Amino acid sequence: MKKQKQDSDIIVGLDVGTTKICVIVARMKDDKSVDIIGVGKGPSSGLHRGIVVNPTKAEASIKYALENAEQNCGTPINSVTVGVAGHHIRCINTSSVVGINNADRTIHQSDIDRLLEQAKLIRLPGDTTIVDVIPQEFTVDDKDKYDEPPIGVFGIKLEVKANIITGILSSIEDLSVCVQNCGVDIDEIVLEPIASSHAVLDETEKKVGVAMLDIGGGTTDVAVFKRGVLKYTAGIGLAGNLVTEDIVEGLGILNDEAEKIKREYGYALVDEILNDDNITVRSLRGQIPRTVKKSVLARIIQARMQDIFELSAIEIANSQIANELHAGVVITGGGSLVRGAKELAEYILKQEVNLGTPQGISGGLIKEVESPIYATGVGLVLHRLKNINRKKVSTFRQPDKTNKQNILSNVKKWFDEL
């Protein structure tokens, strides 16, 4: 039986994580915002640190979450926006320059496109591909600088400084094939830190400078923003899964039990514990339950969370603008929910730290997704919405040739009078 067609006003974000698959279904509104109408989720299998290692298991996990979302929202899903992340993601600084030879001597959108294509002409290893090109600053005729594409500006030379985001080609292709094998098309592949930033950061924070740490199950993504754009990003191969594994090894318990007590009793900072009560845990092989102190569990968690924040501090320093982050640091993702994570992050990063939860959404299921766990899924929807609106209504008007001719005529007349 042929699958029904997805409504044209439906946007779907697919967050394929190491520990969970999350599907966010939204309907576009007339005011260029979205209503969340469906949520699908399920355990993730076949991935390790954001990379597909078992395609069969990965496909089954993705398909389960998609079907769960369809049942939840009551509408078919034919296409999705997919997030990509992992410790294989890299950020490279580059620049390019083009000449402007239009008849009216002004910069057109085609010149911006040509400039950014030129920026992609860099030497990369054979197994690496370009995920995104993020302009940092435009310069016209070696003097005038612009944060936004200077469409309509007079000039003969246009230059850009840009960040090239790269990833391992095989990793991105493996994920794409798994998604498509589940019977859906891919609208866009988006860098997950950029997606999450749409959900948990506002434009003011991005302008004055902010670092975002998205602590997932398999990886921690670091993204640094300044002047409204992504300045630096990196992936760290330490995240929530390793915290759980440390608890398993340290207490000699099953993985499910370790995850449960981490959520219910865990602290990322021993000093945050007010009552050092005993916790009853199930031992391996059904042995008699035993008790451990909250402080013992906290020391295990704190050691690994400290590693995560210390490595994040190194990556933030690598951005070379660590001292310009006036909005501090925002932590999000499932790993940020451990009690005391905010306080430990402030102690290590020496910055103000806030917890990032999805914003800018509405609808009947808004309460269901107002958690850092859904930051990437919601962000993928908001990123797709932004691109759709950009195509519908160009942010920058093309030059009005008639108006320019009048201006030039008036300038010429003014010089003649002199």
Protein backbone atom coordinates (compact mmCIF):
# COMPACT_ATOMS: atom_id res chain seq x y z
CA MET A 1 0.00 0.00 0.00
CA LYS A 2 1.37 3.38 -1.05
CA LYS A 3 2.21 5.75 1.80
CA GLN A 4 0.12 8.93 2.11
CA LYS A 5 1.75 12.22 1.15
CA GLN A 6 3.08 14.52 3.88
CA ASP A 7 1.29 17.88 4.21
CA SER A 8 3.24 20.76 2.65
CA ASP A 9 3.19 22.77 5.90
CA ILE A 10 4.75 19.98 7.98
CA ILE A 11 8.40 20.14 9.12
CA VAL A 12 10.10 17.16 10.74
CA GLY A 13 13.36 17.20 12.69
CA LEU A 14 15.22 13.89 13.15
CA ASP A 15 17.86 13.75 15.90
CA VAL A 16 19.77 10.48 15.62
CA GLY A 17 21.71 10.20 18.85
CA THR A 18 23.88 7.52 20.38
CA THR A 19 21.40 6.71 23.17
CA LYS A 20 18.06 7.92 21.76
CA ILE A 21 16.29 8.77 18.51
CA CYS A 22 14.07 11.84 18.67
CA VAL A 23 11.55 12.97 16.04
CA ILE A 24 9.86 16.38 16.31
CA VAL A 25 6.87 17.06 14.03
CA ALA A 26 5.73 20.67 13.61
CA ARG A 27 3.19 22.57 11.53
CA MET A 28 4.11 25.96 10.08
CA LYS A 29 1.90 28.90 11.07
CA ASP A 30 1.12 32.05 9.11
CA ASP A 31 3.27 34.14 11.45
CA LYS A 32 6.40 32.20 10.49
CA SER A 33 6.46 30.14 13.66
CA VAL A 34 5.57 26.51 14.35
CA ASP A 35 3.21 24.43 16.45
CA ILE A 36 4.63 21.18 17.81
CA ILE A 37 2.05 18.53 16.87
CA GLY A 38 3.95 15.30 17.37
CA VAL A 39 6.90 13.73 19.18
CA GLY A 40 8.44 10.35 18.50
CA LYS A 41 11.26 8.78 20.44
CA GLY A 42 12.92 5.48 21.07
CA PRO A 43 16.17 3.90 22.19
CA SER A 44 19.08 4.14 19.79
CA SER A 45 21.06 1.12 18.71
CA GLY A 46 23.80 0.65 16.14
CA LEU A 47 25.57 3.96 16.77
CA HIS A 48 28.75 4.78 18.69
CA ARG A 49 29.69 8.38 19.47
CA GLY A 50 27.38 9.67 16.77
CA ILE A 51 28.65 7.29 14.06
CA VAL A 52 26.73 4.38 12.53
CA VAL A 53 28.49 1.10 13.35
CA ASN A 54 25.59 -1.29 12.69
CA PRO A 55 23.31 -0.05 9.87
CA THR A 56 20.65 -2.73 10.42
CA LYS A 57 20.17 -1.83 14.09
CA ALA A 58 20.40 1.90 13.34
CA GLU A 59 17.68 1.67 10.68
CA ALA A 60 15.40 -0.27 13.00
CA SER A 61 15.82 2.37 15.73
CA ILE A 62 15.13 5.25 13.34
CA LYS A 63 12.10 3.51 11.84
CA TYR A 64 10.64 2.86 15.29
CA ALA A 65 10.94 6.53 16.28
CA LEU A 66 9.44 7.71 12.96
CA GLU A 67 6.47 5.37 13.29
CA ASN A 68 6.02 6.49 16.89
CA ALA A 69 5.93 10.12 15.72
CA GLU A 70 3.41 9.37 12.95
CA GLN A 71 1.09 7.69 15.44
CA ASN A 72 1.52 10.58 17.85
CA CYS A 73 0.72 13.35 15.35
CA GLY A 74 -1.68 11.48 13.05
CA THR A 75 0.01 12.60 9.84
CA PRO A 76 2.41 10.76 7.48
CA ILE A 77 6.11 11.62 7.42
CA ASN A 78 7.81 11.63 4.01
CA SER A 79 10.81 13.91 4.57
CA VAL A 80 13.00 15.01 7.47
CA THR A 81 15.76 17.42 8.40
CA VAL A 82 18.62 15.39 9.87
CA GLY A 83 21.30 16.49 12.32
CA VAL A 84 24.93 15.48 12.06
CA ALA A 85 27.56 15.72 14.79
CA GLY A 86 30.38 13.76 16.38
CA HIS A 87 34.04 14.02 17.23
CA HIS A 88 34.86 13.83 13.49
CA ILE A 89 33.45 17.34 12.90
CA ARG A 90 36.12 20.00 12.34
CA CYS A 91 36.16 23.77 11.80
CA ILE A 92 38.63 25.32 9.31
CA ASN A 93 39.23 29.05 8.79
CA THR A 94 39.54 30.18 5.18
CA SER A 95 39.00 33.18 2.92
CA SER A 96 38.22 33.87 -0.72
CA VAL A 97 37.95 36.84 -3.06
CA VAL A 98 36.11 37.55 -6.33
CA GLY A 99 35.86 40.48 -8.69
CA ILE A 100 32.57 42.30 -9.35
CA ASN A 101 31.92 42.90 -13.04
CA ASN A 102 28.17 43.54 -13.15
CA ALA A 103 26.95 46.29 -15.46
CA ASP A 104 25.62 48.35 -12.55
CA ARG A 105 28.81 47.77 -10.48
CA THR A 106 26.83 46.47 -7.51
CA ILE A 107 27.01 43.18 -5.65
CA HIS A 108 24.31 40.62 -6.49
CA GLN A 109 23.29 37.36 -4.82
CA SER A 110 25.07 35.50 -7.62
CA ASP A 111 28.33 37.16 -6.51
CA ILE A 112 27.80 35.94 -2.93
CA ASP A 113 27.13 32.42 -4.23
CA ARG A 114 30.25 32.54 -6.38
CA LEU A 115 32.32 33.81 -3.44
CA LEU A 116 31.20 31.03 -1.10
CA GLU A 117 31.78 28.37 -3.76
CA GLN A 118 35.32 29.70 -4.11
CA ALA A 119 35.77 29.41 -0.34
CA LYS A 120 35.11 25.67 -0.63
CA LEU A 121 38.18 25.19 -2.85
CA ILE A 122 40.48 23.97 -0.10
CA ARG A 123 42.59 20.85 0.15
CA LEU A 124 40.88 18.16 2.22
CA PRO A 125 41.72 14.52 2.99
CA GLY A 126 40.03 12.07 0.64
CA ASP A 127 37.57 10.81 3.28
CA THR A 128 36.45 14.32 4.34
CA THR A 129 33.57 16.38 3.00
CA ILE A 130 32.29 19.91 3.55
CA VAL A 131 29.17 20.03 5.72
CA ASP A 132 28.64 23.80 5.75
CA VAL A 133 30.23 27.16 4.89
CA ILE A 134 29.61 29.87 7.49
CA PRO A 135 30.56 33.43 6.45
CA GLN A 136 32.22 35.43 9.24
CA GLU A 137 32.86 38.81 7.61
CA PHE A 138 32.55 40.37 4.16
CA THR A 139 34.89 43.10 2.89
CA VAL A 140 34.20 45.32 -0.11
CA ASP A 141 37.15 46.99 -1.91
CA ASP A 142 39.53 46.26 1.01
CA LYS A 143 37.85 48.82 3.28
CA ASP A 144 34.14 48.45 4.08
CA LYS A 145 33.31 45.46 6.30
CA TYR A 146 29.90 43.79 6.68
CA ASP A 147 28.54 41.05 8.94
CA GLU A 148 25.75 40.29 6.43
CA PRO A 149 26.06 39.72 2.65
CA PRO A 150 26.48 43.25 1.17
CA ILE A 151 23.95 42.83 -1.64
CA GLY A 152 23.31 46.12 -3.44
CA VAL A 153 26.59 47.72 -2.34
CA PHE A 154 28.84 49.32 -4.97
CA GLY A 155 32.24 47.68 -5.40
CA ILE A 156 34.73 45.99 -7.68
CA LYS A 157 36.19 43.48 -5.21
CA LEU A 158 34.45 41.25 -2.67
CA GLU A 159 36.19 39.17 0.00
CA VAL A 160 34.92 36.86 2.73
CA LYS A 161 36.38 35.23 5.81
CA ALA A 162 34.54 31.98 6.44
CA ASN A 163 34.50 28.87 8.57
CA ILE A 164 34.39 25.60 6.67
CA ILE A 165 32.73 22.82 8.67
CA THR A 166 33.96 19.38 7.63
CA GLY A 167 33.11 15.81 8.55
CA ILE A 168 34.03 12.26 7.60
CA LEU A 169 32.26 11.51 4.31
CA SER A 170 31.56 7.84 5.06
CA SER A 171 30.00 8.70 8.45
CA ILE A 172 27.60 11.23 6.92
CA GLU A 173 26.73 8.92 4.01
CA ASP A 174 26.10 5.96 6.33
CA LEU A 175 23.64 8.02 8.37
CA SER A 176 21.93 9.35 5.22
CA VAL A 177 21.47 5.85 3.79
CA CYS A 178 20.00 4.58 7.07
CA VAL A 179 17.46 7.42 7.12
CA GLN A 180 16.48 6.97 3.47
CA ASN A 181 16.13 3.21 3.90
CA CYS A 182 13.37 3.99 6.42
CA GLY A 183 11.25 5.35 3.56
CA VAL A 184 11.77 9.09 4.03
CA ASP A 185 13.63 11.73 2.03
CA ILE A 186 16.16 14.15 3.51
CA ASP A 187 15.31 17.85 3.23
CA GLU A 188 18.58 19.03 4.76
CA ILE A 189 21.58 17.73 6.68
CA VAL A 190 22.38 20.24 9.42
CA LEU A 191 25.25 20.57 11.86
CA GLU A 192 23.64 19.74 15.20
CA PRO A 193 25.28 22.54 17.25
CA ILE A 194 23.83 25.08 14.80
CA ALA A 195 20.42 23.43 15.09
CA SER A 196 20.51 23.34 18.90
CA SER A 197 21.50 27.01 18.98
CA HIS A 198 18.23 27.96 17.24
CA ALA A 199 16.34 26.32 20.10
CA VAL A 200 18.29 27.39 23.20
CA LEU A 201 20.12 30.64 22.31
CA ASP A 202 18.66 34.02 21.44
CA GLU A 203 20.13 36.45 18.92
CA THR A 204 21.46 38.80 21.62
CA GLU A 205 23.50 36.00 23.21
CA LYS A 206 24.95 35.08 19.82
CA LYS A 207 25.88 38.70 19.13
CA VAL A 208 27.62 39.48 22.43
CA GLY A 209 29.35 36.10 22.57
CA VAL A 210 28.31 32.77 24.04
CA ALA A 211 29.55 29.17 24.17
CA MET A 212 27.10 26.29 23.99
CA LEU A 213 27.86 22.78 25.26
CA ASP A 214 25.43 20.11 24.04
CA ILE A 215 26.11 17.09 26.24
CA GLY A 216 24.53 14.09 24.55
CA GLY A 217 24.88 10.39 25.10
CA GLY A 218 27.87 9.69 22.84
CA THR A 219 29.46 13.09 22.22
CA THR A 220 29.61 16.60 23.62
CA ASP A 221 29.35 19.31 20.96
CA VAL A 222 31.03 22.66 21.62
CA ALA A 223 29.91 25.73 19.66
CA VAL A 224 31.11 29.31 20.12
CA PHE A 225 29.12 32.25 18.74
CA LYS A 226 30.03 35.92 18.35
CA ARG A 227 28.54 38.76 16.30
CA GLY A 228 25.60 36.53 15.48
CA VAL A 229 27.52 33.73 13.75
CA LEU A 230 29.22 30.46 14.61
CA LYS A 231 32.90 31.18 15.17
CA TYR A 232 34.11 27.74 16.23
CA THR A 233 32.82 24.21 16.78
CA ALA A 234 34.27 20.88 17.82
CA GLY A 235 33.09 17.47 18.99
CA ILE A 236 34.35 15.71 22.13
CA GLY A 237 34.13 11.94 22.44
CA LEU A 238 33.07 12.07 26.10
CA ALA A 239 29.44 12.39 27.17
CA GLY A 240 26.62 10.90 29.22
CA ASN A 241 27.20 7.28 28.18
CA LEU A 242 30.65 7.24 29.73
CA VAL A 243 29.24 8.57 33.00
CA THR A 244 26.83 5.62 33.05
CA GLU A 245 29.61 3.18 32.18
CA ASP A 246 31.71 4.53 35.04
CA ILE A 247 28.82 3.90 37.44
CA VAL A 248 28.45 0.33 36.11
CA GLU A 249 32.13 -0.35 36.65
CA GLY A 250 32.44 1.52 39.93
CA LEU A 251 29.41 -0.04 41.63
CA GLY A 252 29.24 -3.37 39.81
CA ILE A 253 25.64 -3.00 38.64
CA LEU A 254 23.70 -3.38 35.40
CA ASN A 255 23.64 -0.58 32.82
CA ASP A 256 19.88 0.04 33.20
CA GLU A 257 20.26 0.29 36.96
CA ALA A 258 23.20 2.68 36.57
CA GLU A 259 21.20 4.93 34.25
CA LYS A 260 18.27 4.91 36.66
CA ILE A 261 20.23 5.92 39.77
CA LYS A 262 22.15 8.53 37.76
CA ARG A 263 18.85 10.22 36.88
CA GLU A 264 17.19 9.82 40.28
CA TYR A 265 20.06 10.31 42.74
CA GLY A 266 23.06 11.51 40.76
CA TYR A 267 25.03 14.70 41.41
CA ALA A 268 27.85 16.12 39.30
CA LEU A 269 29.24 17.95 42.35
CA VAL A 270 29.63 16.27 45.73
CA ASP A 271 29.31 19.61 47.53
CA GLU A 272 25.73 19.99 46.23
CA ILE A 273 24.51 17.02 48.30
CA LEU A 274 22.55 18.15 51.35
CA ASN A 275 21.59 14.76 52.77
CA ASP A 276 24.08 11.98 52.13
CA ASP A 277 21.47 9.23 52.22
CA ASN A 278 21.92 5.59 51.31
CA ILE A 279 20.77 4.37 47.88
CA THR A 280 19.58 0.80 47.34
CA VAL A 281 20.93 -0.72 44.13
CA ARG A 282 20.35 -4.06 42.42
CA SER A 283 23.55 -6.05 42.07
CA LEU A 284 24.58 -8.19 39.11
CA ARG A 285 23.00 -11.64 38.57
CA GLY A 286 20.11 -10.93 40.91
CA GLN A 287 22.22 -10.91 44.05
CA ILE A 288 20.91 -9.37 47.26
CA PRO A 289 20.45 -5.58 46.85
CA ARG A 290 23.01 -3.44 48.59
CA THR A 291 23.32 0.19 49.59
CA VAL A 292 25.76 2.94 48.65
CA LYS A 293 26.02 6.56 49.77
CA LYS A 294 24.90 9.36 47.45
CA SER A 295 28.36 10.87 47.86
CA VAL A 296 29.98 7.69 46.48
CA LEU A 297 27.79 7.91 43.35
CA ALA A 298 28.51 11.64 43.08
CA ARG A 299 32.29 11.15 43.14
CA ILE A 300 32.02 8.75 40.18
CA ILE A 301 29.84 11.17 38.23
CA GLN A 302 31.89 14.25 39.11
CA ALA A 303 35.15 12.70 37.89
CA ARG A 304 33.78 12.10 34.38
CA MET A 305 31.77 15.34 34.18
CA GLN A 306 34.92 17.19 35.19
CA ASP A 307 36.73 15.58 32.23
CA ILE A 308 33.93 16.73 29.90
CA PHE A 309 34.05 20.35 31.12
CA GLU A 310 37.86 20.49 31.14
CA LEU A 311 38.02 19.31 27.52
CA SER A 312 35.24 21.77 26.67
CA ALA A 313 37.31 24.56 28.23
CA ILE A 314 40.21 23.63 25.93
CA GLU A 315 37.95 23.79 22.87
CA ILE A 316 36.49 27.14 23.97
CA ALA A 317 40.04 28.45 24.35
CA ASN A 318 40.82 27.16 20.83
CA SER A 319 38.15 29.53 19.52
CA GLN A 320 40.52 32.39 20.50
CA ILE A 321 37.60 34.48 21.74
CA ALA A 322 37.10 32.90 25.18
CA ASN A 323 37.51 36.31 26.84
CA GLU A 324 34.79 37.85 24.64
CA LEU A 325 31.91 35.59 25.67
CA HIS A 326 29.85 38.17 27.55
CA ALA A 327 26.78 35.90 27.67
CA GLY A 328 28.81 33.12 29.28
CA VAL A 329 28.10 29.45 28.62
CA VAL A 330 24.84 27.58 27.98
CA ILE A 331 24.73 23.84 28.63
CA THR A 332 22.04 21.65 27.06
CA GLY A 333 21.38 18.04 26.06
CA GLY A 334 20.51 15.14 28.33
CA GLY A 335 23.85 15.25 30.13
CA SER A 336 23.15 18.77 31.37
CA LEU A 337 20.26 17.51 33.52
CA VAL A 338 22.49 15.87 36.14
CA ARG A 339 22.14 17.82 39.38
CA GLY A 340 25.11 20.07 40.02
CA ALA A 341 26.24 20.09 36.36
CA LYS A 342 25.70 23.86 36.11
CA GLU A 343 27.68 24.53 39.31
CA LEU A 344 30.55 22.22 38.29
CA ALA A 345 30.69 23.86 34.85
CA GLU A 346 30.91 27.33 36.43
CA TYR A 347 33.73 26.19 38.70
CA ILE A 348 35.78 24.72 35.83
CA LEU A 349 34.96 27.16 33.01
CA LYS A 350 35.15 30.30 35.20
CA GLN A 351 32.08 31.64 33.38
CA GLU A 352 28.43 32.21 34.13
CA VAL A 353 26.58 29.04 33.08
CA ASN A 354 22.89 28.66 32.26
CA LEU A 355 20.75 25.65 31.35
CA GLY A 356 19.40 25.78 27.79
CA THR A 357 15.84 24.59 27.10
CA PRO A 358 13.95 24.86 23.77
CA GLN A 359 12.27 28.24 23.19
CA GLY A 360 10.28 29.93 20.41
CA ILE A 361 7.73 27.15 19.93
CA SER A 362 4.02 26.69 20.59
CA GLY A 363 1.33 24.05 20.19
CA GLY A 364 -0.37 21.37 22.21
CA LEU A 365 2.84 19.42 22.86
CA ILE A 366 5.03 22.32 23.95
CA LYS A 367 5.37 20.97 27.50
CA GLU A 368 6.58 17.62 26.19
CA VAL A 369 9.60 19.17 24.45
CA GLU A 370 10.58 21.86 26.97
CA SER A 371 13.63 19.90 28.07
CA PRO A 372 17.31 20.06 27.08
CA ILE A 373 16.89 16.48 25.80
CA TYR A 374 14.89 17.85 22.84
CA ALA A 375 17.12 20.85 22.04
CA THR A 376 18.54 19.37 18.83
CA GLY A 377 15.22 17.97 17.55
CA VAL A 378 13.41 21.28 18.06
CA GLY A 379 16.39 23.18 16.67
CA LEU A 380 16.31 21.14 13.46
CA VAL A 381 12.68 22.17 12.94
CA LEU A 382 13.47 25.85 13.60
CA HIS A 383 16.49 25.73 11.26
CA ARG A 384 14.37 24.28 8.46
CA LEU A 385 11.66 26.92 9.08
CA LYS A 386 14.27 29.67 8.84
CA ASN A 387 15.53 28.39 5.49
CA ILE A 388 12.01 28.02 4.10
CA ASN A 389 11.18 31.61 5.05
CA ARG A 390 14.48 32.83 3.60
CA LYS A 391 13.54 31.31 0.25
CA LYS A 392 10.01 32.76 0.35
CA VAL A 393 11.05 36.30 1.20
CA SER A 394 14.64 37.34 0.49
CA THR A 395 16.19 39.08 3.47
CA PHE A 396 18.08 41.38 1.18
CA ARG A 397 16.36 43.24 -1.65
CA GLN A 398 18.00 43.18 -5.03
CA PRO A 399 19.21 46.61 -6.13
CA ASP A 400 16.59 48.95 -7.59
CA LYS A 401 18.26 49.87 -10.88
CA THR A 402 15.92 52.79 -11.58
CA ASN A 403 16.63 54.28 -8.18
CA LYS A 404 20.40 53.85 -8.69
CA GLN A 405 20.27 55.59 -12.05
CA ASN A 406 18.44 58.52 -10.44
CA ILE A 407 21.03 58.71 -7.66
CA LEU A 408 23.93 58.62 -10.15
CA SER A 409 22.22 61.26 -12.27
CA ASN A 410 21.81 63.54 -9.24
CA VAL A 411 25.44 63.05 -8.21
CA LYS A 412 26.63 63.86 -11.74
CA LYS A 413 24.40 66.99 -11.81
CA TRP A 414 25.80 68.07 -8.41
CA PHE A 415 29.39 67.80 -9.70
CA ASP A 416 28.44 69.69 -12.89
CA GLU A 417 27.09 72.52 -10.78
CA LEU A 418 30.35 72.69 -8.85
